[in-house]
Amino acid sequence: MEVLTNQPPFLFLYLASPLVLIEIYYILKIRTGGEDTWILLDRTTGNVCFWKRNSKKSLTVPFDQVDCYWSTRAGRGGPSHQIALMPKVNLPNERYRYWEIMLGSAAMYEQAQYFWRVMNDFMDRTRPIPEVPGLIHQVRSMEKLGWRLEDITHGGKEVPIEEWEEVEKELRRDAEALEARLERLFTPEYFDAQTVYDFYQKAPVHFKRDALRNILSKYEMFAGAGRYPGFEYWKEEYDSEVIKLGELLSKLPSRESFYMDYS
């Protein structure tokens, strides 16, 4: 079992849907395996609540007093991996509180680090809430519905599938508009390596993976022999920009390639 230490947060691309954001922009609620146990990350206070329906058994501690573990468990189908949160302090007469959480597949150590960094980023009030698929769906849905913490816990409410689908349509429309802007940047009139790179860097996190895949695809085609398909110029006319774009892309952190394949 390995502990994931607190690391500087960065931007993220994907988060599985079991994660729920409530108390708009302030509290992150994570399933732990049952309806009576939740972990609530409060961005406003910086605290983490290991919540049980029996309030006497709930425990609240500062986020920096919580460790994240990546463990391996043997099973009939082979080893499986889980992520768990564990407070450094416990209630009187309690040995320890080791709660596995449901955030998505953590088959690789890098994936476990990714989820832990999502939590770090969420709890860092100097940074924006990560706009990752799943999480951004919940943020927008809760904002429209105007629900509060008690609506989700004791109220037993869940986001209607219709609301989720409407947010998905909004995100798809946003992605299509961004895709059109990116396509325009590769036309003869606007093609500039730094501009393309800056577009990627400033793109919303939930669009970054598709944007990078599109840019790399065009770069590979453009850097190849012959005329760029459908364009009005020969690659020799823009050789310097193509080379510059390749240099800029090579500077991306290694984690970018991990996110390209991650789903």
C-alpha atoms as a PDB file:
ATOM      1  CA  MET A   1       0.000   0.000   0.000  1.00  0.00           C
ATOM      2  CA  GLU A   2       1.349   3.413  -0.935  1.00  0.00           C
ATOM      3  CA  VAL A   3       0.453   6.813   0.438  1.00  0.00           C
ATOM      4  CA  LEU A   4       0.026   9.674  -2.003  1.00  0.00           C
ATOM      5  CA  THR A   5       1.518  12.789  -0.481  1.00  0.00           C
ATOM      6  CA  ASN A   6       0.079  16.245  -1.068  1.00  0.00           C
ATOM      7  CA  GLN A   7       1.459  17.568  -4.340  1.00  0.00           C
ATOM      8  CA  PRO A   8       0.979  20.887  -6.136  1.00  0.00           C
ATOM      9  CA  PRO A   9      -2.327  20.638  -7.999  1.00  0.00           C
ATOM     10  CA  PHE A  10      -2.623  21.170 -11.729  1.00  0.00           C
ATOM     11  CA  LEU A  11      -5.382  21.121 -14.351  1.00  0.00           C
ATOM     12  CA  PHE A  12      -7.236  17.928 -15.063  1.00  0.00           C
ATOM     13  CA  LEU A  13      -9.198  16.232 -17.859  1.00  0.00           C
ATOM     14  CA  TYR A  14     -11.450  13.459 -16.586  1.00  0.00           C
ATOM     15  CA  LEU A  15     -13.357  12.422 -13.471  1.00  0.00           C
ATOM     16  CA  ALA A  16     -15.784   9.499 -13.228  1.00  0.00           C
ATOM     17  CA  SER A  17     -19.424  10.369 -12.648  1.00  0.00           C
ATOM     18  CA  PRO A  18     -19.837   8.873  -9.131  1.00  0.00           C
ATOM     19  CA  LEU A  19     -18.251  12.058  -7.808  1.00  0.00           C
ATOM     20  CA  VAL A  20     -20.813  14.682  -6.826  1.00  0.00           C
ATOM     21  CA  LEU A  21     -20.400  18.397  -6.202  1.00  0.00           C
ATOM     22  CA  ILE A  22     -22.878  20.011  -3.857  1.00  0.00           C
ATOM     23  CA  GLU A  23     -23.291  23.327  -2.041  1.00  0.00           C
ATOM     24  CA  ILE A  24     -22.396  24.980  -5.300  1.00  0.00           C
ATOM     25  CA  TYR A  25     -18.653  25.480  -5.713  1.00  0.00           C
ATOM     26  CA  TYR A  26     -18.008  24.652  -2.089  1.00  0.00           C
ATOM     27  CA  ILE A  27     -18.468  21.005  -1.127  1.00  0.00           C
ATOM     28  CA  LEU A  28     -17.311  17.849  -2.832  1.00  0.00           C
ATOM     29  CA  LYS A  29     -19.253  14.731  -1.906  1.00  0.00           C
ATOM     30  CA  ILE A  30     -17.728  11.327  -2.652  1.00  0.00           C
ATOM     31  CA  ARG A  31     -19.382   7.942  -2.369  1.00  0.00           C
ATOM     32  CA  THR A  32     -17.614   5.397  -0.201  1.00  0.00           C
ATOM     33  CA  GLY A  33     -19.721   2.339  -0.918  1.00  0.00           C
ATOM     34  CA  GLY A  34     -23.033   2.923   0.823  1.00  0.00           C
ATOM     35  CA  GLU A  35     -25.851   5.416   1.250  1.00  0.00           C
ATOM     36  CA  ASP A  36     -24.962   5.942   4.918  1.00  0.00           C
ATOM     37  CA  THR A  37     -21.313   6.908   4.463  1.00  0.00           C
ATOM     38  CA  TRP A  38     -19.928   9.835   2.476  1.00  0.00           C
ATOM     39  CA  ILE A  39     -16.792  11.936   2.411  1.00  0.00           C
ATOM     40  CA  LEU A  40     -17.453  15.666   2.132  1.00  0.00           C
ATOM     41  CA  LEU A  41     -14.638  17.980   1.076  1.00  0.00           C
ATOM     42  CA  ASP A  42     -15.526  21.525   2.110  1.00  0.00           C
ATOM     43  CA  ARG A  43     -13.660  24.017  -0.067  1.00  0.00           C
ATOM     44  CA  THR A  44     -14.872  26.959   2.033  1.00  0.00           C
ATOM     45  CA  THR A  45     -13.559  25.812   5.413  1.00  0.00           C
ATOM     46  CA  GLY A  46     -10.765  23.541   4.207  1.00  0.00           C
ATOM     47  CA  ASN A  47     -12.207  20.655   6.218  1.00  0.00           C
ATOM     48  CA  VAL A  48     -13.041  17.071   5.301  1.00  0.00           C
ATOM     49  CA  CYS A  49     -16.017  15.339   6.912  1.00  0.00           C
ATOM     50  CA  PHE A  50     -16.132  11.552   7.096  1.00  0.00           C
ATOM     51  CA  TRP A  51     -19.927  11.584   7.289  1.00  0.00           C
ATOM     52  CA  LYS A  52     -22.220   8.900   8.641  1.00  0.00           C
ATOM     53  CA  ARG A  53     -25.976   9.089   8.880  1.00  0.00           C
ATOM     54  CA  ASN A  54     -25.470   8.657  12.600  1.00  0.00           C
ATOM     55  CA  SER A  55     -23.987  12.102  13.244  1.00  0.00           C
ATOM     56  CA  LYS A  56     -22.273  10.965  16.444  1.00  0.00           C
ATOM     57  CA  LYS A  57     -19.996   8.794  14.324  1.00  0.00           C
ATOM     58  CA  SER A  58     -19.103  11.531  11.834  1.00  0.00           C
ATOM     59  CA  LEU A  59     -15.600  12.975  11.949  1.00  0.00           C
ATOM     60  CA  THR A  60     -14.385  16.336  10.608  1.00  0.00           C
ATOM     61  CA  VAL A  61     -10.686  17.147  10.186  1.00  0.00           C
ATOM     62  CA  PRO A  62      -8.610  19.681   8.190  1.00  0.00           C
ATOM     63  CA  PHE A  63      -7.703  18.537   4.674  1.00  0.00           C
ATOM     64  CA  ASP A  64      -3.985  18.532   5.514  1.00  0.00           C
ATOM     65  CA  GLN A  65      -4.773  15.912   8.161  1.00  0.00           C
ATOM     66  CA  VAL A  66      -6.000  13.426   5.548  1.00  0.00           C
ATOM     67  CA  ASP A  67      -3.836  10.886   3.728  1.00  0.00           C
ATOM     68  CA  CYS A  68      -4.706   9.222   0.433  1.00  0.00           C
ATOM     69  CA  TYR A  69      -3.750   5.569  -0.108  1.00  0.00           C
ATOM     70  CA  TRP A  70      -3.483   3.394  -3.196  1.00  0.00           C
ATOM     71  CA  SER A  71      -3.817  -0.238  -2.184  1.00  0.00           C
ATOM     72  CA  THR A  72      -3.772  -3.594  -3.930  1.00  0.00           C
ATOM     73  CA  ARG A  73      -6.198  -6.369  -3.079  1.00  0.00           C
ATOM     74  CA  ALA A  74      -6.009  -9.973  -4.258  1.00  0.00           C
ATOM     75  CA  GLY A  75      -9.130 -11.551  -5.714  1.00  0.00           C
ATOM     76  CA  ARG A  76     -10.324 -14.443  -7.860  1.00  0.00           C
ATOM     77  CA  GLY A  77     -10.116 -12.306 -10.981  1.00  0.00           C
ATOM     78  CA  GLY A  78      -6.642 -11.106 -10.095  1.00  0.00           C
ATOM     79  CA  PRO A  79      -5.400  -8.096  -8.134  1.00  0.00           C
ATOM     80  CA  SER A  80      -7.527  -4.968  -7.922  1.00  0.00           C
ATOM     81  CA  HIS A  81      -6.624  -1.470  -6.837  1.00  0.00           C
ATOM     82  CA  GLN A  82      -8.516   1.005  -4.706  1.00  0.00           C
ATOM     83  CA  ILE A  83      -8.115   4.550  -3.474  1.00  0.00           C
ATOM     84  CA  ALA A  84      -8.855   5.282   0.170  1.00  0.00           C
ATOM     85  CA  LEU A  85      -8.828   8.351   2.390  1.00  0.00           C
ATOM     86  CA  MET A  86      -7.729   8.081   5.995  1.00  0.00           C
ATOM     87  CA  PRO A  87      -7.693  10.855   8.632  1.00  0.00           C
ATOM     88  CA  LYS A  88      -4.602  11.169  10.792  1.00  0.00           C
ATOM     89  CA  VAL A  89      -6.800  11.467  13.890  1.00  0.00           C
ATOM     90  CA  ASN A  90      -9.810   9.420  14.963  1.00  0.00           C
ATOM     91  CA  LEU A  91     -12.730   9.472  17.358  1.00  0.00           C
ATOM     92  CA  PRO A  92     -12.161   8.191  20.901  1.00  0.00           C
ATOM     93  CA  ASN A  93     -12.084   4.383  21.039  1.00  0.00           C
ATOM     94  CA  GLU A  94     -11.815   4.232  17.241  1.00  0.00           C
ATOM     95  CA  ARG A  95      -8.807   2.338  15.896  1.00  0.00           C
ATOM     96  CA  TYR A  96      -8.736   4.001  12.478  1.00  0.00           C
ATOM     97  CA  ARG A  97     -11.055   5.154   9.712  1.00  0.00           C
ATOM     98  CA  TYR A  98      -9.923   3.833   6.324  1.00  0.00           C
ATOM     99  CA  TRP A  99     -12.592   4.566   3.710  1.00  0.00           C
ATOM    100  CA  GLU A 100     -12.297   3.450   0.116  1.00  0.00           C
ATOM    101  CA  ILE A 101     -13.753   5.958  -2.324  1.00  0.00           C
ATOM    102  CA  MET A 102     -15.440   5.680  -5.713  1.00  0.00           C
ATOM    103  CA  LEU A 103     -13.852   8.058  -8.196  1.00  0.00           C
ATOM    104  CA  GLY A 104     -13.191   5.757 -11.119  1.00  0.00           C
ATOM    105  CA  SER A 105     -10.592   3.205 -12.147  1.00  0.00           C
ATOM    106  CA  ALA A 106      -7.298   3.378 -10.287  1.00  0.00           C
ATOM    107  CA  ALA A 107      -5.596   0.424 -11.949  1.00  0.00           C
ATOM    108  CA  MET A 108      -2.431   2.485 -12.420  1.00  0.00           C
ATOM    109  CA  TYR A 109      -0.570   4.476  -9.793  1.00  0.00           C
ATOM    110  CA  GLU A 110      -0.706   7.516 -12.090  1.00  0.00           C
ATOM    111  CA  GLN A 111      -4.507   7.351 -12.057  1.00  0.00           C
ATOM    112  CA  ALA A 112      -4.543   7.310  -8.266  1.00  0.00           C
ATOM    113  CA  GLN A 113      -2.261  10.353  -8.265  1.00  0.00           C
ATOM    114  CA  TYR A 114      -4.592  12.012 -10.738  1.00  0.00           C
ATOM    115  CA  PHE A 115      -7.657  11.634  -8.500  1.00  0.00           C
ATOM    116  CA  TRP A 116      -5.728  12.807  -5.452  1.00  0.00           C
ATOM    117  CA  ARG A 117      -4.611  15.897  -7.325  1.00  0.00           C
ATOM    118  CA  VAL A 118      -8.213  16.565  -8.329  1.00  0.00           C
ATOM    119  CA  MET A 119      -9.060  16.697  -4.646  1.00  0.00           C
ATOM    120  CA  ASN A 120      -6.054  18.904  -3.913  1.00  0.00           C
ATOM    121  CA  ASP A 121      -7.060  21.285  -6.656  1.00  0.00           C
ATOM    122  CA  PHE A 122     -10.648  21.406  -5.453  1.00  0.00           C
ATOM    123  CA  MET A 123      -9.568  22.257  -1.920  1.00  0.00           C
ATOM    124  CA  ASP A 124      -7.136  24.970  -3.026  1.00  0.00           C
ATOM    125  CA  ARG A 125      -9.187  28.187  -2.964  1.00  0.00           C
ATOM    126  CA  THR A 126      -6.483  30.040  -4.883  1.00  0.00           C
ATOM    127  CA  ARG A 127      -7.277  27.896  -7.916  1.00  0.00           C
ATOM    128  CA  PRO A 128     -10.505  27.464  -9.891  1.00  0.00           C
ATOM    129  CA  ILE A 129     -12.585  24.342  -9.444  1.00  0.00           C
ATOM    130  CA  PRO A 130     -11.347  21.819 -12.040  1.00  0.00           C
ATOM    131  CA  GLU A 131     -13.634  21.682 -15.061  1.00  0.00           C
ATOM    132  CA  VAL A 132     -13.472  17.961 -15.643  1.00  0.00           C
ATOM    133  CA  PRO A 133     -16.194  15.776 -17.199  1.00  0.00           C
ATOM    134  CA  GLY A 134     -18.496  14.413 -14.542  1.00  0.00           C
ATOM    135  CA  LEU A 135     -17.599  17.116 -12.061  1.00  0.00           C
ATOM    136  CA  ILE A 136     -18.539  19.963 -14.392  1.00  0.00           C
ATOM    137  CA  HIS A 137     -21.844  18.193 -15.113  1.00  0.00           C
ATOM    138  CA  GLN A 138     -22.633  18.211 -11.404  1.00  0.00           C
ATOM    139  CA  VAL A 139     -21.521  21.810 -10.922  1.00  0.00           C
ATOM    140  CA  ARG A 140     -23.805  23.123 -13.650  1.00  0.00           C
ATOM    141  CA  SER A 141     -26.715  20.885 -12.658  1.00  0.00           C
ATOM    142  CA  MET A 142     -26.580  21.901  -9.001  1.00  0.00           C
ATOM    143  CA  GLU A 143     -26.298  25.539  -9.974  1.00  0.00           C
ATOM    144  CA  LYS A 144     -29.496  25.299 -12.036  1.00  0.00           C
ATOM    145  CA  LEU A 145     -31.396  23.336  -9.412  1.00  0.00           C
ATOM    146  CA  GLY A 146     -30.214  25.518  -6.529  1.00  0.00           C
ATOM    147  CA  TRP A 147     -29.791  22.544  -4.211  1.00  0.00           C
ATOM    148  CA  ARG A 148     -27.941  22.617  -0.899  1.00  0.00           C
ATOM    149  CA  LEU A 149     -26.056  20.083   1.179  1.00  0.00           C
ATOM    150  CA  GLU A 150     -29.112  18.864   3.078  1.00  0.00           C
ATOM    151  CA  ASP A 151     -30.987  18.233  -0.187  1.00  0.00           C
ATOM    152  CA  ILE A 152     -28.435  15.610  -1.204  1.00  0.00           C
ATOM    153  CA  THR A 153     -27.789  14.026   2.189  1.00  0.00           C
ATOM    154  CA  HIS A 154     -30.928  13.930   4.335  1.00  0.00           C
ATOM    155  CA  GLY A 155     -33.160  15.064   1.468  1.00  0.00           C
ATOM    156  CA  GLY A 156     -32.129  12.089  -0.624  1.00  0.00           C
ATOM    157  CA  LYS A 157     -32.310  14.000  -3.902  1.00  0.00           C
ATOM    158  CA  GLU A 158     -30.388  13.027  -7.030  1.00  0.00           C
ATOM    159  CA  VAL A 159     -29.773  15.037 -10.171  1.00  0.00           C
ATOM    160  CA  PRO A 160     -32.475  14.098 -12.738  1.00  0.00           C
ATOM    161  CA  ILE A 161     -31.084  12.380 -15.818  1.00  0.00           C
ATOM    162  CA  GLU A 162     -32.811  15.028 -17.957  1.00  0.00           C
ATOM    163  CA  GLU A 163     -30.789  17.748 -16.252  1.00  0.00           C
ATOM    164  CA  TRP A 164     -27.580  15.782 -16.781  1.00  0.00           C
ATOM    165  CA  GLU A 165     -28.389  15.304 -20.474  1.00  0.00           C
ATOM    166  CA  GLU A 166     -29.114  19.016 -20.925  1.00  0.00           C
ATOM    167  CA  VAL A 167     -25.719  19.902 -19.449  1.00  0.00           C
ATOM    168  CA  GLU A 168     -24.128  17.345 -21.774  1.00  0.00           C
ATOM    169  CA  LYS A 169     -25.748  19.108 -24.741  1.00  0.00           C
ATOM    170  CA  GLU A 170     -24.404  22.456 -23.534  1.00  0.00           C
ATOM    171  CA  LEU A 171     -20.896  21.048 -23.206  1.00  0.00           C
ATOM    172  CA  ARG A 172     -21.149  19.506 -26.667  1.00  0.00           C
ATOM    173  CA  ARG A 173     -22.152  22.857 -28.154  1.00  0.00           C
ATOM    174  CA  ASP A 174     -19.239  24.519 -26.366  1.00  0.00           C
ATOM    175  CA  ALA A 175     -16.864  21.869 -27.720  1.00  0.00           C
ATOM    176  CA  GLU A 176     -18.139  22.329 -31.276  1.00  0.00           C
ATOM    177  CA  ALA A 177     -17.551  26.084 -31.069  1.00  0.00           C
ATOM    178  CA  LEU A 178     -14.011  25.541 -29.765  1.00  0.00           C
ATOM    179  CA  GLU A 179     -13.360  22.961 -32.477  1.00  0.00           C
ATOM    180  CA  ALA A 180     -14.380  25.486 -35.138  1.00  0.00           C
ATOM    181  CA  ARG A 181     -12.002  28.070 -33.662  1.00  0.00           C
ATOM    182  CA  LEU A 182      -9.153  25.566 -33.684  1.00  0.00           C
ATOM    183  CA  GLU A 183      -9.833  24.607 -37.300  1.00  0.00           C
ATOM    184  CA  ARG A 184      -9.660  28.261 -38.252  1.00  0.00           C
ATOM    185  CA  LEU A 185      -6.219  28.603 -36.659  1.00  0.00           C
ATOM    186  CA  PHE A 186      -4.844  26.104 -39.182  1.00  0.00           C
ATOM    187  CA  THR A 187      -5.983  28.071 -42.230  1.00  0.00           C
ATOM    188  CA  PRO A 188      -3.325  29.988 -44.204  1.00  0.00           C
ATOM    189  CA  GLU A 189      -4.560  33.359 -42.968  1.00  0.00           C
ATOM    190  CA  TYR A 190      -4.247  32.539 -39.259  1.00  0.00           C
ATOM    191  CA  PHE A 191      -1.699  29.725 -38.961  1.00  0.00           C
ATOM    192  CA  ASP A 192       0.837  30.593 -36.271  1.00  0.00           C
ATOM    193  CA  ALA A 193       2.529  28.036 -34.019  1.00  0.00           C
ATOM    194  CA  GLN A 194       2.453  30.152 -30.864  1.00  0.00           C
ATOM    195  CA  THR A 195      -1.220  31.011 -31.360  1.00  0.00           C
ATOM    196  CA  VAL A 196      -2.134  27.334 -31.749  1.00  0.00           C
ATOM    197  CA  TYR A 197      -0.127  26.424 -28.653  1.00  0.00           C
ATOM    198  CA  ASP A 198      -1.677  29.254 -26.617  1.00  0.00           C
ATOM    199  CA  PHE A 199      -5.141  28.118 -27.697  1.00  0.00           C
ATOM    200  CA  TYR A 200      -4.439  24.676 -26.250  1.00  0.00           C
ATOM    201  CA  GLN A 201      -3.011  26.068 -23.016  1.00  0.00           C
ATOM    202  CA  LYS A 202      -6.056  28.296 -22.445  1.00  0.00           C
ATOM    203  CA  ALA A 203      -8.694  25.778 -23.551  1.00  0.00           C
ATOM    204  CA  PRO A 204     -11.189  24.549 -20.926  1.00  0.00           C
ATOM    205  CA  VAL A 205      -9.896  21.459 -19.194  1.00  0.00           C
ATOM    206  CA  HIS A 206     -12.754  19.271 -20.415  1.00  0.00           C
ATOM    207  CA  PHE A 207     -11.789  20.140 -24.012  1.00  0.00           C
ATOM    208  CA  LYS A 208      -8.007  19.833 -23.697  1.00  0.00           C
ATOM    209  CA  ARG A 209      -7.740  16.154 -24.578  1.00  0.00           C
ATOM    210  CA  ASP A 210      -9.690  16.535 -27.826  1.00  0.00           C
ATOM    211  CA  ALA A 211      -7.839  19.752 -28.656  1.00  0.00           C
ATOM    212  CA  LEU A 212      -4.438  18.136 -28.194  1.00  0.00           C
ATOM    213  CA  ARG A 213      -5.449  15.106 -30.242  1.00  0.00           C
ATOM    214  CA  ASN A 214      -6.625  17.419 -33.056  1.00  0.00           C
ATOM    215  CA  ILE A 215      -3.475  19.540 -32.957  1.00  0.00           C
ATOM    216  CA  LEU A 216      -1.179  16.511 -32.991  1.00  0.00           C
ATOM    217  CA  SER A 217      -3.101  14.986 -35.896  1.00  0.00           C
ATOM    218  CA  LYS A 218      -2.807  18.156 -37.948  1.00  0.00           C
ATOM    219  CA  TYR A 219       0.840  18.587 -37.026  1.00  0.00           C
ATOM    220  CA  GLU A 220       1.675  15.063 -38.184  1.00  0.00           C
ATOM    221  CA  MET A 221      -0.131  15.632 -41.476  1.00  0.00           C
ATOM    222  CA  PHE A 222       1.378  19.061 -41.976  1.00  0.00           C
ATOM    223  CA  ALA A 223       4.890  17.886 -41.163  1.00  0.00           C
ATOM    224  CA  GLY A 224       4.629  15.085 -43.731  1.00  0.00           C
ATOM    225  CA  ALA A 225       5.531  15.276 -47.387  1.00  0.00           C
ATOM    226  CA  GLY A 226       3.378  17.054 -49.935  1.00  0.00           C
ATOM    227  CA  ARG A 227       0.539  19.489 -49.774  1.00  0.00           C
ATOM    228  CA  TYR A 228      -1.527  19.751 -46.579  1.00  0.00           C
ATOM    229  CA  PRO A 229      -4.967  18.310 -47.463  1.00  0.00           C
ATOM    230  CA  GLY A 230      -7.479  20.967 -48.433  1.00  0.00           C
ATOM    231  CA  PHE A 231      -5.118  23.862 -47.801  1.00  0.00           C
ATOM    232  CA  GLU A 232      -3.971  26.521 -50.262  1.00  0.00           C
ATOM    233  CA  TYR A 233      -0.257  26.459 -49.525  1.00  0.00           C
ATOM    234  CA  TRP A 234       2.679  24.079 -49.585  1.00  0.00           C
ATOM    235  CA  LYS A 235       4.224  23.076 -46.299  1.00  0.00           C
ATOM    236  CA  GLU A 236       7.543  24.613 -47.352  1.00  0.00           C
ATOM    237  CA  GLU A 237       5.931  28.028 -47.051  1.00  0.00           C
ATOM    238  CA  TYR A 238       5.274  27.391 -43.388  1.00  0.00           C
ATOM    239  CA  ASP A 239       8.182  25.118 -42.508  1.00  0.00           C
ATOM    240  CA  SER A 240       9.430  27.438 -39.785  1.00  0.00           C
ATOM    241  CA  GLU A 241       6.020  27.530 -38.090  1.00  0.00           C
ATOM    242  CA  VAL A 242       5.628  23.754 -38.313  1.00  0.00           C
ATOM    243  CA  ILE A 243       9.045  23.265 -36.718  1.00  0.00           C
ATOM    244  CA  LYS A 244       8.191  25.794 -34.017  1.00  0.00           C
ATOM    245  CA  LEU A 245       4.886  24.046 -33.292  1.00  0.00           C
ATOM    246  CA  GLY A 246       6.706  20.742 -32.892  1.00  0.00           C
ATOM    247  CA  GLU A 247       9.140  22.348 -30.453  1.00  0.00           C
ATOM    248  CA  LEU A 248       6.306  23.836 -28.418  1.00  0.00           C
ATOM    249  CA  LEU A 249       4.421  20.538 -28.278  1.00  0.00           C
ATOM    250  CA  SER A 250       7.554  18.732 -27.133  1.00  0.00           C
ATOM    251  CA  LYS A 251       7.652  20.983 -24.057  1.00  0.00           C
ATOM    252  CA  LEU A 252       4.316  19.739 -22.759  1.00  0.00           C
ATOM    253  CA  PRO A 253       4.647  17.803 -19.471  1.00  0.00           C
ATOM    254  CA  SER A 254       4.750  14.032 -19.838  1.00  0.00           C
ATOM    255  CA  ARG A 255       1.383  13.794 -18.089  1.00  0.00           C
ATOM    256  CA  GLU A 256      -0.256  15.311 -21.175  1.00  0.00           C
ATOM    257  CA  SER A 257       0.278  12.065 -23.085  1.00  0.00           C
ATOM    258  CA  PHE A 258      -1.148  10.132 -20.129  1.00  0.00           C
ATOM    259  CA  TYR A 259      -4.327  12.187 -20.297  1.00  0.00           C
ATOM    260  CA  MET A 260      -4.571  11.664 -24.048  1.00  0.00           C
ATOM    261  CA  ASP A 261      -5.035   7.935 -23.488  1.00  0.00           C
ATOM    262  CA  TYR A 262      -6.893   8.134 -20.197  1.00  0.00           C
ATOM    263  CA  SER A 263     -10.635   7.578 -20.023  1.00  0.00           C
END
